[in-house]
Amino acid sequence: MRVFKNYKNEDCFLTTEQEQHIQLGHPEASTTLISKCLLAPMEIRQSSSHALAQLYYILKANDRYFCVVLKCCPDGHFITTAYTTTQIKSGDLIYKQGV
């Protein structure tokens, strides 16, 4: 299991199983990108489809975003997936850089 820090200096856990899922399904999602996204997100949205999930975004390049999905539970914060996308999903704004 890997441990990352988010912008609030909270521990965010990536289990071996979820790391394998990310490596197989989203090979562009390196641990370096995951760390960067959690530490310095451009924007964080509350998932509109999962009450415990927060979507962390950074601008990757050429109108593409990198997203880390963080499940925030009473027993800890767990990374469920990470991927590249062309748009930020709808959902309540939790945090916006510079605001």
C-alpha atoms as a PDB file:
ATOM      1  CA  MET A   1       0.000   0.000   0.000  1.00  0.00           C
ATOM      2  CA  ARG A   2       1.227   3.474  -0.909  1.00  0.00           C
ATOM      3  CA  VAL A   3       0.502   6.622   1.071  1.00  0.00           C
ATOM      4  CA  PHE A   4       0.162  10.068  -0.533  1.00  0.00           C
ATOM      5  CA  LYS A   5      -0.616  13.450   1.033  1.00  0.00           C
ATOM      6  CA  ASN A   6      -3.358  15.745  -0.180  1.00  0.00           C
ATOM      7  CA  TYR A   7      -3.444  19.557  -0.101  1.00  0.00           C
ATOM      8  CA  LYS A   8      -4.662  19.411   3.532  1.00  0.00           C
ATOM      9  CA  ASN A   9      -1.696  17.186   4.477  1.00  0.00           C
ATOM     10  CA  GLU A  10      -4.046  14.226   5.049  1.00  0.00           C
ATOM     11  CA  ASP A  11      -2.941  10.668   4.304  1.00  0.00           C
ATOM     12  CA  CYS A  12      -4.474   9.203   1.134  1.00  0.00           C
ATOM     13  CA  PHE A  13      -4.052   5.468   0.673  1.00  0.00           C
ATOM     14  CA  LEU A  14      -3.582   3.578  -2.581  1.00  0.00           C
ATOM     15  CA  THR A  15      -4.063  -0.138  -2.072  1.00  0.00           C
ATOM     16  CA  THR A  16      -2.131  -2.636  -4.169  1.00  0.00           C
ATOM     17  CA  GLU A  17      -5.398  -3.763  -5.774  1.00  0.00           C
ATOM     18  CA  GLN A  18      -6.369  -0.223  -6.808  1.00  0.00           C
ATOM     19  CA  GLU A  19      -2.828   0.510  -8.023  1.00  0.00           C
ATOM     20  CA  GLN A  20      -3.044  -2.550 -10.302  1.00  0.00           C
ATOM     21  CA  HIS A  21      -6.455  -1.396 -11.567  1.00  0.00           C
ATOM     22  CA  ILE A  22      -5.009   2.013 -12.420  1.00  0.00           C
ATOM     23  CA  GLN A  23      -1.895   0.570 -14.082  1.00  0.00           C
ATOM     24  CA  LEU A  24      -3.969  -1.776 -16.260  1.00  0.00           C
ATOM     25  CA  GLY A  25      -6.810   0.546 -17.192  1.00  0.00           C
ATOM     26  CA  HIS A  26      -5.108   3.934 -17.109  1.00  0.00           C
ATOM     27  CA  PRO A  27      -1.381   3.473 -17.810  1.00  0.00           C
ATOM     28  CA  GLU A  28      -0.908   7.250 -18.220  1.00  0.00           C
ATOM     29  CA  ALA A  29      -1.725   7.665 -14.521  1.00  0.00           C
ATOM     30  CA  SER A  30       1.679   7.592 -12.890  1.00  0.00           C
ATOM     31  CA  THR A  31       2.227   7.838  -9.165  1.00  0.00           C
ATOM     32  CA  THR A  32       3.975  11.166  -9.838  1.00  0.00           C
ATOM     33  CA  LEU A  33       0.810  12.567 -11.436  1.00  0.00           C
ATOM     34  CA  ILE A  34      -1.342  11.176  -8.640  1.00  0.00           C
ATOM     35  CA  SER A  35       0.861  12.838  -6.027  1.00  0.00           C
ATOM     36  CA  LYS A  36       0.910  16.164  -7.911  1.00  0.00           C
ATOM     37  CA  CYS A  37      -2.880  16.137  -8.315  1.00  0.00           C
ATOM     38  CA  LEU A  38      -3.538  15.437  -4.635  1.00  0.00           C
ATOM     39  CA  LEU A  39      -0.993  17.966  -3.352  1.00  0.00           C
ATOM     40  CA  ALA A  40      -1.841  20.857  -5.666  1.00  0.00           C
ATOM     41  CA  PRO A  41      -5.276  20.380  -7.220  1.00  0.00           C
ATOM     42  CA  MET A  42      -6.598  22.973  -9.615  1.00  0.00           C
ATOM     43  CA  GLU A  43     -10.123  22.082  -8.560  1.00  0.00           C
ATOM     44  CA  ILE A  44     -11.955  19.558  -6.382  1.00  0.00           C
ATOM     45  CA  ARG A  45     -15.573  18.538  -6.969  1.00  0.00           C
ATOM     46  CA  GLN A  46     -17.942  16.409  -4.921  1.00  0.00           C
ATOM     47  CA  SER A  47     -19.004  13.456  -7.050  1.00  0.00           C
ATOM     48  CA  SER A  48     -22.642  13.695  -8.073  1.00  0.00           C
ATOM     49  CA  SER A  49     -22.860   9.901  -8.338  1.00  0.00           C
ATOM     50  CA  HIS A  50     -21.088   8.784  -5.151  1.00  0.00           C
ATOM     51  CA  ALA A  51     -21.593  10.589  -1.836  1.00  0.00           C
ATOM     52  CA  LEU A  52     -18.156   9.694  -0.442  1.00  0.00           C
ATOM     53  CA  ALA A  53     -16.110  10.480  -3.566  1.00  0.00           C
ATOM     54  CA  GLN A  54     -14.202  13.660  -4.285  1.00  0.00           C
ATOM     55  CA  LEU A  55     -12.734  14.365  -7.732  1.00  0.00           C
ATOM     56  CA  TYR A  56      -9.340  16.106  -7.727  1.00  0.00           C
ATOM     57  CA  TYR A  57      -8.295  17.758 -11.016  1.00  0.00           C
ATOM     58  CA  ILE A  58      -5.173  19.267 -12.517  1.00  0.00           C
ATOM     59  CA  LEU A  59      -4.698  20.563 -16.054  1.00  0.00           C
ATOM     60  CA  LYS A  60      -2.491  18.092 -17.866  1.00  0.00           C
ATOM     61  CA  ALA A  61      -2.041  19.587 -21.373  1.00  0.00           C
ATOM     62  CA  ASN A  62      -3.989  20.546 -24.479  1.00  0.00           C
ATOM     63  CA  ASP A  63      -7.365  20.880 -22.753  1.00  0.00           C
ATOM     64  CA  ARG A  64      -6.959  17.551 -20.969  1.00  0.00           C
ATOM     65  CA  TYR A  65      -7.329  17.093 -17.250  1.00  0.00           C
ATOM     66  CA  PHE A  66      -5.963  14.480 -14.904  1.00  0.00           C
ATOM     67  CA  CYS A  67      -8.419  13.297 -12.259  1.00  0.00           C
ATOM     68  CA  VAL A  68      -7.862  11.377  -9.036  1.00  0.00           C
ATOM     69  CA  VAL A  69     -10.965   9.956  -7.378  1.00  0.00           C
ATOM     70  CA  LEU A  70     -10.632   9.952  -3.599  1.00  0.00           C
ATOM     71  CA  LYS A  71     -13.129   8.091  -1.426  1.00  0.00           C
ATOM     72  CA  CYS A  72     -13.354   9.919   1.901  1.00  0.00           C
ATOM     73  CA  CYS A  73     -14.481   7.553   4.666  1.00  0.00           C
ATOM     74  CA  PRO A  74     -14.448   7.859   8.452  1.00  0.00           C
ATOM     75  CA  ASP A  75     -11.578   5.329   8.511  1.00  0.00           C
ATOM     76  CA  GLY A  76      -9.446   7.154   5.926  1.00  0.00           C
ATOM     77  CA  HIS A  77      -9.088   8.539   2.420  1.00  0.00           C
ATOM     78  CA  PHE A  78      -8.672   5.950  -0.338  1.00  0.00           C
ATOM     79  CA  ILE A  79      -7.712   6.483  -3.972  1.00  0.00           C
ATOM     80  CA  THR A  80     -10.135   4.488  -6.102  1.00  0.00           C
ATOM     81  CA  THR A  81      -8.933   5.432  -9.586  1.00  0.00           C
ATOM     82  CA  ALA A  82      -7.057   8.040 -11.624  1.00  0.00           C
ATOM     83  CA  TYR A  83      -7.441   8.914 -15.294  1.00  0.00           C
ATOM     84  CA  THR A  84      -7.138  11.528 -18.024  1.00  0.00           C
ATOM     85  CA  THR A  85     -10.314  13.271 -19.196  1.00  0.00           C
ATOM     86  CA  THR A  86     -11.389  16.093 -21.492  1.00  0.00           C
ATOM     87  CA  GLN A  87     -13.808  17.705 -19.065  1.00  0.00           C
ATOM     88  CA  ILE A  88     -14.407  18.342 -15.393  1.00  0.00           C
ATOM     89  CA  LYS A  89     -17.502  16.545 -14.148  1.00  0.00           C
ATOM     90  CA  SER A  90     -20.415  18.378 -12.607  1.00  0.00           C
ATOM     91  CA  GLY A  91     -20.765  18.329  -8.849  1.00  0.00           C
ATOM     92  CA  ASP A  92     -20.514  20.774  -5.994  1.00  0.00           C
ATOM     93  CA  LEU A  93     -17.282  22.738  -5.937  1.00  0.00           C
ATOM     94  CA  ILE A  94     -15.227  21.899  -2.829  1.00  0.00           C
ATOM     95  CA  TYR A  95     -12.020  23.763  -3.659  1.00  0.00           C
ATOM     96  CA  LYS A  96     -10.683  25.962  -6.457  1.00  0.00           C
ATOM     97  CA  GLN A  97      -7.052  27.027  -6.652  1.00  0.00           C
ATOM     98  CA  GLY A  98      -6.553  30.736  -6.134  1.00  0.00           C
ATOM     99  CA  VAL A  99     -10.051  31.400  -4.763  1.00  0.00           C
END
